[in-house]
Amino acid sequence: MRRIIIEKGVKYHTYLKNLFAAMENEQLNYNWLITDCVCYPESKVYDELFQRDYLWLSGRELTNIFMEEDFQMIWGMFSAFKPNLTLDEVLKYKLPQNQDNDRSRDLYDPQVLPKHPLAEVEIQAVDSSFTMIISKNDGLVQHVTKAFPQYQEFSDFFKK
């Protein structure tokens, strides 16, 4: 499992269109649970969509949204699941949140796992300041680190 932070050397790490390109579109291989979002898309449709407690989208649906309108995520928790898992199975667990007080200490634990126990990948936009990626798919993270060479390993970032 890899855990990285993207903060330096790039302006648009919280624009998912850029991140998806860096992932070489591996996001298409998952279903996505999106929670705890703050964003300001121009489209009223997308604005209303991201106001919900959660969204469940295929990788294609999620990608299409950000290809159509490339807006910044201020806050957001994007949890990816293998396509054979159903929404009912995923919702048996607490919805993952960016700022989850009972898990806040985990930010400093280099062994921290995705907040949702069934997630394969977790992407967090954190106050538009940095993006955290935790992934069981090392190849996905390797693609991202090539595109964002000033990434930091999770444990190094929190030693500051």
Protein backbone atom coordinates (compact mmCIF):
# COMPACT_ATOMS: atom_id res chain seq x y z
CA MET A 1 0.00 0.00 0.00
CA ARG A 2 1.28 3.45 -0.93
CA ARG A 3 0.43 6.72 0.75
CA ILE A 4 1.47 9.99 -0.87
CA ILE A 5 0.78 13.71 -0.57
CA ILE A 6 0.74 16.14 -3.48
CA GLU A 7 1.28 19.68 -2.33
CA LYS A 8 4.31 21.34 -3.93
CA GLY A 9 5.34 22.08 -7.46
CA VAL A 10 1.89 22.08 -9.01
CA LYS A 11 -1.05 24.45 -8.92
CA TYR A 12 -3.86 22.13 -9.82
CA HIS A 13 -3.57 18.95 -7.79
CA THR A 14 -7.12 19.39 -6.44
CA TYR A 15 -8.55 19.52 -9.97
CA LEU A 16 -9.52 15.92 -10.58
CA LYS A 17 -9.24 16.15 -14.35
CA ASN A 18 -5.47 16.56 -13.95
CA LEU A 19 -5.26 13.83 -11.33
CA PHE A 20 -7.24 11.38 -13.48
CA ALA A 21 -4.89 12.04 -16.39
CA ALA A 22 -1.95 11.37 -14.08
CA MET A 23 -3.60 8.11 -12.98
CA GLU A 24 -3.71 7.13 -16.66
CA ASN A 25 -7.48 6.79 -16.24
CA GLU A 26 -7.27 3.90 -13.79
CA GLN A 27 -10.19 5.57 -11.97
CA LEU A 28 -12.38 4.01 -14.65
CA ASN A 29 -11.79 0.58 -13.07
CA TYR A 30 -13.64 1.45 -9.86
CA ASN A 31 -16.95 2.62 -8.46
CA TRP A 32 -16.61 5.74 -6.34
CA LEU A 33 -18.18 6.87 -3.09
CA ILE A 34 -17.83 10.63 -2.79
CA THR A 35 -18.42 12.27 0.60
CA ASP A 36 -17.60 15.41 2.56
CA CYS A 37 -17.35 17.68 -0.48
CA VAL A 38 -16.87 21.39 -0.74
CA CYS A 39 -16.59 22.63 -4.30
CA TYR A 40 -18.00 25.37 -6.48
CA PRO A 41 -18.80 24.13 -9.96
CA GLU A 42 -20.38 26.64 -12.33
CA SER A 43 -23.06 24.20 -13.41
CA LYS A 44 -26.11 24.23 -11.14
CA VAL A 45 -26.55 20.51 -11.85
CA TYR A 46 -23.09 19.66 -10.51
CA ASP A 47 -23.41 22.10 -7.63
CA GLU A 48 -26.61 20.35 -6.49
CA LEU A 49 -25.06 16.93 -7.10
CA PHE A 50 -22.10 17.59 -4.82
CA GLN A 51 -24.32 18.98 -2.03
CA ARG A 52 -25.58 15.48 -1.17
CA ASP A 53 -24.36 13.45 1.81
CA TYR A 54 -22.80 11.00 -0.61
CA LEU A 55 -22.60 10.09 -4.28
CA TRP A 56 -22.11 6.64 -5.77
CA LEU A 57 -20.73 6.87 -9.30
CA SER A 58 -19.01 4.60 -11.74
CA GLY A 59 -15.52 5.59 -12.77
CA ARG A 60 -16.91 6.62 -16.16
CA GLU A 61 -19.63 8.83 -14.60
CA LEU A 62 -17.11 10.51 -12.29
CA THR A 63 -14.65 11.07 -15.12
CA ASN A 64 -17.34 12.54 -17.38
CA ILE A 65 -18.27 15.12 -14.76
CA PHE A 66 -14.71 16.45 -14.56
CA MET A 67 -14.14 16.26 -18.30
CA GLU A 68 -17.26 18.36 -18.86
CA GLU A 69 -16.49 20.93 -16.16
CA ASP A 70 -13.03 21.07 -14.64
CA PHE A 71 -13.62 22.54 -11.17
CA GLN A 72 -11.51 22.48 -8.04
CA MET A 73 -12.27 20.34 -5.03
CA ILE A 74 -11.72 22.37 -1.87
CA TRP A 75 -12.57 19.43 0.39
CA GLY A 76 -13.56 15.97 -0.74
CA MET A 77 -13.26 12.31 0.11
CA PHE A 78 -13.18 10.01 -2.90
CA SER A 79 -13.19 6.30 -2.02
CA ALA A 80 -12.78 3.75 -4.82
CA PHE A 81 -14.21 0.23 -4.72
CA LYS A 82 -13.91 -2.83 -6.89
CA PRO A 83 -16.88 -2.93 -9.27
CA ASN A 84 -18.23 -6.17 -7.80
CA LEU A 85 -19.07 -4.43 -4.49
CA THR A 86 -22.55 -3.00 -4.21
CA LEU A 87 -23.56 0.30 -2.68
CA ASP A 88 -25.47 -1.63 -0.01
CA GLU A 89 -22.26 -3.42 1.02
CA VAL A 90 -20.34 -0.14 1.12
CA LEU A 91 -23.02 1.66 3.15
CA LYS A 92 -22.82 -0.92 5.95
CA TYR A 93 -19.89 1.18 7.18
CA LYS A 94 -19.70 4.78 8.33
CA LEU A 95 -19.35 7.32 5.52
CA PRO A 96 -15.70 8.42 5.32
CA GLN A 97 -15.05 12.07 6.15
CA ASN A 98 -12.04 14.33 5.72
CA GLN A 99 -12.15 15.60 9.26
CA ASP A 100 -13.26 12.67 11.34
CA ASN A 101 -12.38 13.59 14.94
CA ASP A 102 -12.19 10.04 16.20
CA ARG A 103 -9.58 9.32 13.51
CA SER A 104 -7.71 12.64 13.40
CA ARG A 105 -4.69 11.13 15.14
CA ASP A 106 -4.44 8.68 12.21
CA LEU A 107 -3.21 11.47 9.95
CA TYR A 108 0.12 11.21 11.72
CA ASP A 109 0.32 7.42 11.60
CA PRO A 110 2.33 6.31 8.55
CA GLN A 111 0.44 3.01 8.58
CA VAL A 112 -2.98 4.66 8.22
CA LEU A 113 -5.35 2.76 5.95
CA PRO A 114 -8.20 4.11 3.86
CA LYS A 115 -10.98 5.40 6.10
CA HIS A 116 -13.46 3.04 4.48
CA PRO A 117 -12.40 -0.56 5.17
CA LEU A 118 -13.50 -1.84 1.74
CA ALA A 119 -11.86 0.96 -0.29
CA GLU A 120 -9.06 0.14 -2.71
CA VAL A 121 -8.08 3.78 -3.26
CA GLU A 122 -8.76 6.93 -1.29
CA ILE A 123 -8.21 10.44 -2.59
CA GLN A 124 -8.67 13.36 -0.21
CA ALA A 125 -8.70 16.98 -1.23
CA VAL A 126 -7.73 18.79 1.97
CA ASP A 127 -8.74 22.45 2.12
CA SER A 128 -7.38 22.86 -1.45
CA SER A 129 -3.94 22.82 0.20
CA PHE A 130 -2.88 19.30 -0.62
CA THR A 131 -4.16 16.01 -1.95
CA MET A 132 -3.64 12.72 -0.15
CA ILE A 133 -3.72 9.41 -1.99
CA ILE A 134 -3.79 6.07 -0.23
CA SER A 135 -3.92 3.08 -2.54
CA LYS A 136 -3.68 -0.68 -2.50
CA ASN A 137 -2.91 -0.33 -6.22
CA ASP A 138 0.79 0.59 -6.28
CA GLY A 139 0.70 0.98 -10.07
CA LEU A 140 -1.86 3.75 -9.80
CA VAL A 141 0.33 5.63 -7.32
CA GLN A 142 3.37 5.09 -9.52
CA HIS A 143 1.57 6.79 -12.41
CA VAL A 144 0.69 9.74 -10.17
CA THR A 145 4.24 10.14 -8.85
CA LYS A 146 5.56 10.35 -12.42
CA ALA A 147 3.13 13.16 -13.20
CA PHE A 148 3.68 14.96 -9.87
CA PRO A 149 7.40 14.40 -9.17
CA GLN A 150 7.45 16.66 -6.12
CA TYR A 151 5.08 14.36 -4.23
CA GLN A 152 5.96 13.39 -0.68
CA GLU A 153 5.60 10.09 1.07
CA PHE A 154 2.86 10.23 3.67
CA SER A 155 5.16 9.72 6.65
CA ASP A 156 7.63 12.38 5.46
CA PHE A 157 4.89 14.98 5.00
CA PHE A 158 3.68 14.70 8.58
CA LYS A 159 7.18 14.93 10.06
CA LYS A 160 7.15 18.66 9.33
